[in-house]
C-alpha cells in the first residue's frame, strides 16, 4: 500500500513539472519567433540556380493560449491533495 502512495506522489510531482515546462513554453511562444528556411530554385540539366530565404515566424496566439491553459491544468492536477 505504501508503495502505491509513494508512486502516486512521484507521478503527481512529475505531472506538476511537465505542466511547468508546458506553461513556460506557452509564455515563450508569445515572444520568441521560430526560424524557418526555404530553398527556391530552378534546375535545367546540370545547371541549378537557387535562393534560400530565412523567415522568423511566431506561433499563432491560439496555440500559445492552448499551451498556457494545458500547462496550468497540468500544474493544478499535479499539485496533489497535500
N, C-alpha and C. Protein backbone atom coordinates (compact mmCIF):
# COMPACT_ATOMS: atom_id res chain seq x y z
N UNK A 1 0.80 -1.19 0.00
CA UNK A 1 0.00 0.00 0.00
C UNK A 1 0.85 1.26 0.00
N UNK A 2 1.93 1.28 0.79
CA UNK A 2 2.78 2.46 0.84
C UNK A 2 3.51 2.67 -0.47
N UNK A 3 3.77 1.59 -1.17
CA UNK A 3 4.45 1.71 -2.46
C UNK A 3 3.61 2.45 -3.48
N UNK A 4 2.31 2.22 -3.45
CA UNK A 4 1.44 2.91 -4.41
C UNK A 4 1.27 4.38 -4.06
N UNK A 5 1.27 4.71 -2.76
CA UNK A 5 1.15 6.11 -2.35
C UNK A 5 2.40 6.87 -2.76
N UNK A 6 3.57 6.29 -2.53
CA UNK A 6 4.82 6.94 -2.93
C UNK A 6 4.89 7.07 -4.44
N UNK A 7 4.45 6.06 -5.14
CA UNK A 7 4.44 6.10 -6.60
C UNK A 7 3.50 7.18 -7.11
N UNK A 8 2.35 7.33 -6.47
CA UNK A 8 1.39 8.36 -6.85
C UNK A 8 1.96 9.75 -6.60
N UNK A 9 2.67 9.93 -5.48
CA UNK A 9 3.26 11.23 -5.18
C UNK A 9 4.33 11.60 -6.20
N UNK A 10 5.13 10.64 -6.62
CA UNK A 10 6.16 10.88 -7.64
C UNK A 10 5.49 11.23 -8.97
N UNK A 11 4.42 10.54 -9.30
CA UNK A 11 3.70 10.83 -10.54
C UNK A 11 3.10 12.23 -10.50
N UNK A 12 2.58 12.64 -9.37
CA UNK A 12 1.99 13.96 -9.24
C UNK A 12 3.06 15.05 -9.37
N UNK A 13 4.24 14.82 -8.78
CA UNK A 13 5.33 15.79 -8.91
C UNK A 13 5.79 15.86 -10.36
N UNK A 14 5.88 14.73 -11.04
CA UNK A 14 6.28 14.72 -12.45
C UNK A 14 5.25 15.46 -13.29
N UNK A 15 3.97 15.28 -12.99
CA UNK A 15 2.90 15.97 -13.70
C UNK A 15 3.01 17.48 -13.49
N UNK A 16 3.33 17.90 -12.28
CA UNK A 16 3.50 19.32 -11.98
C UNK A 16 4.67 19.90 -12.77
N UNK A 17 5.78 19.15 -12.83
CA UNK A 17 6.97 19.62 -13.54
C UNK A 17 6.70 19.72 -15.04
N UNK A 18 6.01 18.73 -15.61
CA UNK A 18 5.66 18.78 -17.03
C UNK A 18 4.74 19.97 -17.29
N UNK A 19 3.80 20.22 -16.40
CA UNK A 19 2.92 21.37 -16.53
C UNK A 19 3.69 22.68 -16.49
N UNK A 20 4.67 22.76 -15.63
CA UNK A 20 5.50 23.97 -15.53
C UNK A 20 6.27 24.20 -16.82
N UNK A 21 6.80 23.13 -17.39
CA UNK A 21 7.54 23.24 -18.66
C UNK A 21 6.61 23.68 -19.79
N UNK A 22 5.43 23.08 -19.88
CA UNK A 22 4.46 23.46 -20.93
C UNK A 22 4.02 24.91 -20.75
N UNK A 23 3.81 25.33 -19.51
CA UNK A 23 3.44 26.71 -19.23
C UNK A 23 4.54 27.67 -19.67
N UNK A 24 5.79 27.34 -19.36
CA UNK A 24 6.93 28.18 -19.76
C UNK A 24 7.04 28.25 -21.29
N UNK A 25 6.82 27.13 -21.96
CA UNK A 25 6.84 27.14 -23.43
C UNK A 25 5.72 28.01 -23.99
N UNK A 26 4.57 27.98 -23.36
CA UNK A 26 3.46 28.82 -23.79
C UNK A 26 3.77 30.29 -23.66
N UNK A 27 4.41 30.68 -22.57
CA UNK A 27 4.79 32.08 -22.37
C UNK A 27 5.85 32.49 -23.39
N UNK A 28 6.84 31.64 -23.60
CA UNK A 28 7.90 31.94 -24.56
C UNK A 28 7.37 32.03 -25.99
N UNK A 29 6.35 31.24 -26.30
CA UNK A 29 5.84 31.23 -27.67
C UNK A 29 5.18 32.55 -28.06
N UNK A 30 4.82 33.39 -27.09
CA UNK A 30 4.29 34.72 -27.40
C UNK A 30 5.39 35.66 -27.90
N UNK A 31 6.63 35.43 -27.47
CA UNK A 31 7.69 36.41 -27.71
C UNK A 31 8.80 35.92 -28.64
N UNK A 32 9.10 34.63 -28.64
CA UNK A 32 10.24 34.11 -29.38
C UNK A 32 9.79 33.58 -30.75
N UNK A 33 10.29 34.18 -31.84
CA UNK A 33 9.93 33.67 -33.16
C UNK A 33 10.71 32.40 -33.49
N UNK A 34 10.11 31.55 -34.30
CA UNK A 34 10.75 30.31 -34.73
C UNK A 34 11.38 30.52 -36.10
N UNK A 35 12.68 30.20 -36.24
CA UNK A 35 13.32 30.38 -37.55
C UNK A 35 12.85 29.31 -38.54
N UNK A 36 12.76 29.72 -39.80
CA UNK A 36 12.28 28.83 -40.84
C UNK A 36 13.03 29.17 -42.12
N UNK A 37 13.60 28.17 -42.78
CA UNK A 37 14.32 28.39 -44.03
C UNK A 37 13.65 27.63 -45.16
N UNK A 38 13.63 28.25 -46.33
CA UNK A 38 13.10 27.62 -47.53
C UNK A 38 14.09 27.82 -48.66
N UNK A 39 14.19 26.81 -49.51
CA UNK A 39 15.06 26.94 -50.67
C UNK A 39 14.20 26.91 -51.92
N UNK A 40 14.37 27.94 -52.75
CA UNK A 40 13.64 28.06 -54.00
C UNK A 40 14.67 27.98 -55.12
N UNK A 41 14.39 27.21 -56.13
CA UNK A 41 15.36 27.12 -57.21
C UNK A 41 14.79 26.56 -58.48
N UNK A 42 15.60 26.66 -59.51
CA UNK A 42 15.26 26.15 -60.83
C UNK A 42 16.39 25.27 -61.29
N UNK A 43 16.06 24.10 -61.81
CA UNK A 43 17.07 23.20 -62.35
C UNK A 43 16.81 23.00 -63.84
N UNK A 44 17.90 23.06 -64.61
CA UNK A 44 17.82 22.78 -66.05
C UNK A 44 19.04 21.97 -66.42
N UNK A 45 18.87 20.67 -66.50
CA UNK A 45 20.01 19.79 -66.78
C UNK A 45 20.96 19.79 -65.61
N UNK A 46 22.22 20.14 -65.88
CA UNK A 46 23.24 20.19 -64.83
C UNK A 46 23.29 21.55 -64.13
N UNK A 47 22.53 22.50 -64.60
CA UNK A 47 22.54 23.84 -64.05
C UNK A 47 21.45 23.97 -62.98
N UNK A 48 21.84 24.50 -61.84
CA UNK A 48 20.88 24.72 -60.76
C UNK A 48 21.10 26.11 -60.20
N UNK A 49 20.05 26.90 -60.18
CA UNK A 49 20.12 28.23 -59.58
C UNK A 49 19.09 28.28 -58.46
N UNK A 50 19.51 28.71 -57.30
CA UNK A 50 18.60 28.71 -56.16
C UNK A 50 18.82 29.87 -55.23
N UNK A 51 17.81 30.12 -54.45
CA UNK A 51 17.85 31.16 -53.42
C UNK A 51 17.29 30.55 -52.15
N UNK A 52 17.97 30.79 -51.05
CA UNK A 52 17.49 30.33 -49.75
C UNK A 52 16.97 31.54 -48.99
N UNK A 53 15.73 31.45 -48.53
CA UNK A 53 15.14 32.54 -47.76
C UNK A 53 14.97 32.10 -46.31
N UNK A 54 15.18 33.03 -45.42
CA UNK A 54 15.05 32.77 -43.98
C UNK A 54 13.91 33.63 -43.44
N UNK A 55 13.02 33.01 -42.69
CA UNK A 55 11.90 33.71 -42.08
C UNK A 55 11.90 33.40 -40.59
N UNK A 56 11.40 34.34 -39.84
CA UNK A 56 11.17 34.10 -38.41
C UNK A 56 9.69 34.38 -38.16
N UNK A 57 8.97 33.33 -37.81
CA UNK A 57 7.53 33.45 -37.61
C UNK A 57 7.17 33.07 -36.19
N UNK A 58 6.21 33.76 -35.65
CA UNK A 58 5.71 33.43 -34.31
C UNK A 58 4.60 32.40 -34.43
N UNK A 59 4.41 31.66 -33.36
CA UNK A 59 3.33 30.69 -33.27
C UNK A 59 2.01 31.47 -33.19
N UNK A 60 0.95 30.98 -33.80
CA UNK A 60 -0.34 31.69 -33.69
C UNK A 60 -0.75 31.85 -32.21
N UNK A 61 -1.36 32.97 -31.87
CA UNK A 61 -1.75 33.22 -30.48
C UNK A 61 -2.65 32.14 -29.89
N UNK A 62 -3.49 31.52 -30.72
CA UNK A 62 -4.38 30.47 -30.21
C UNK A 62 -3.56 29.28 -29.69
N UNK A 63 -2.48 28.95 -30.36
CA UNK A 63 -1.62 27.84 -29.92
C UNK A 63 -0.94 28.20 -28.59
N UNK A 64 -0.49 29.44 -28.48
CA UNK A 64 0.14 29.89 -27.24
C UNK A 64 -0.84 29.83 -26.07
N UNK A 65 -2.08 30.25 -26.32
CA UNK A 65 -3.10 30.22 -25.26
C UNK A 65 -3.40 28.78 -24.85
N UNK A 66 -3.47 27.87 -25.83
CA UNK A 66 -3.71 26.46 -25.51
C UNK A 66 -2.57 25.91 -24.66
N UNK A 67 -1.32 26.26 -25.00
CA UNK A 67 -0.18 25.81 -24.19
C UNK A 67 -0.28 26.34 -22.76
N UNK A 68 -0.68 27.59 -22.61
CA UNK A 68 -0.81 28.16 -21.26
C UNK A 68 -1.89 27.44 -20.46
N UNK A 69 -3.03 27.20 -21.08
CA UNK A 69 -4.14 26.55 -20.37
C UNK A 69 -3.78 25.11 -20.00
N UNK A 70 -3.19 24.38 -20.94
CA UNK A 70 -2.81 22.99 -20.67
C UNK A 70 -1.74 22.93 -19.58
N UNK A 71 -0.74 23.81 -19.67
CA UNK A 71 0.30 23.84 -18.64
C UNK A 71 -0.25 24.14 -17.27
N UNK A 72 -1.16 25.12 -17.18
CA UNK A 72 -1.76 25.44 -15.88
C UNK A 72 -2.61 24.28 -15.38
N UNK A 73 -3.33 23.63 -16.28
CA UNK A 73 -4.15 22.48 -15.88
C UNK A 73 -3.30 21.33 -15.35
N UNK A 74 -2.18 21.08 -16.03
CA UNK A 74 -1.29 20.01 -15.56
C UNK A 74 -0.70 20.36 -14.20
N UNK A 75 -0.35 21.63 -14.02
CA UNK A 75 0.20 22.03 -12.73
C UNK A 75 -0.84 21.90 -11.61
N UNK A 76 -2.08 22.28 -11.89
CA UNK A 76 -3.14 22.13 -10.88
C UNK A 76 -3.41 20.66 -10.60
N UNK A 77 -3.40 19.85 -11.63
CA UNK A 77 -3.62 18.42 -11.45
C UNK A 77 -2.47 17.74 -10.73
N UNK A 78 -1.28 18.27 -10.89
CA UNK A 78 -0.10 17.66 -10.29
C UNK A 78 0.24 18.15 -8.89
N UNK A 79 -0.50 19.11 -8.38
CA UNK A 79 -0.13 19.60 -7.05
C UNK A 79 -0.58 18.66 -5.95
N UNK A 80 -1.47 17.73 -6.25
CA UNK A 80 -1.86 16.70 -5.28
C UNK A 80 -2.81 17.20 -4.23
N UNK A 81 -3.06 16.36 -3.24
CA UNK A 81 -4.02 16.68 -2.17
C UNK A 81 -3.32 16.99 -0.87
N UNK A 82 -2.03 17.28 -0.92
CA UNK A 82 -1.30 17.51 0.32
C UNK A 82 -1.42 18.88 0.86
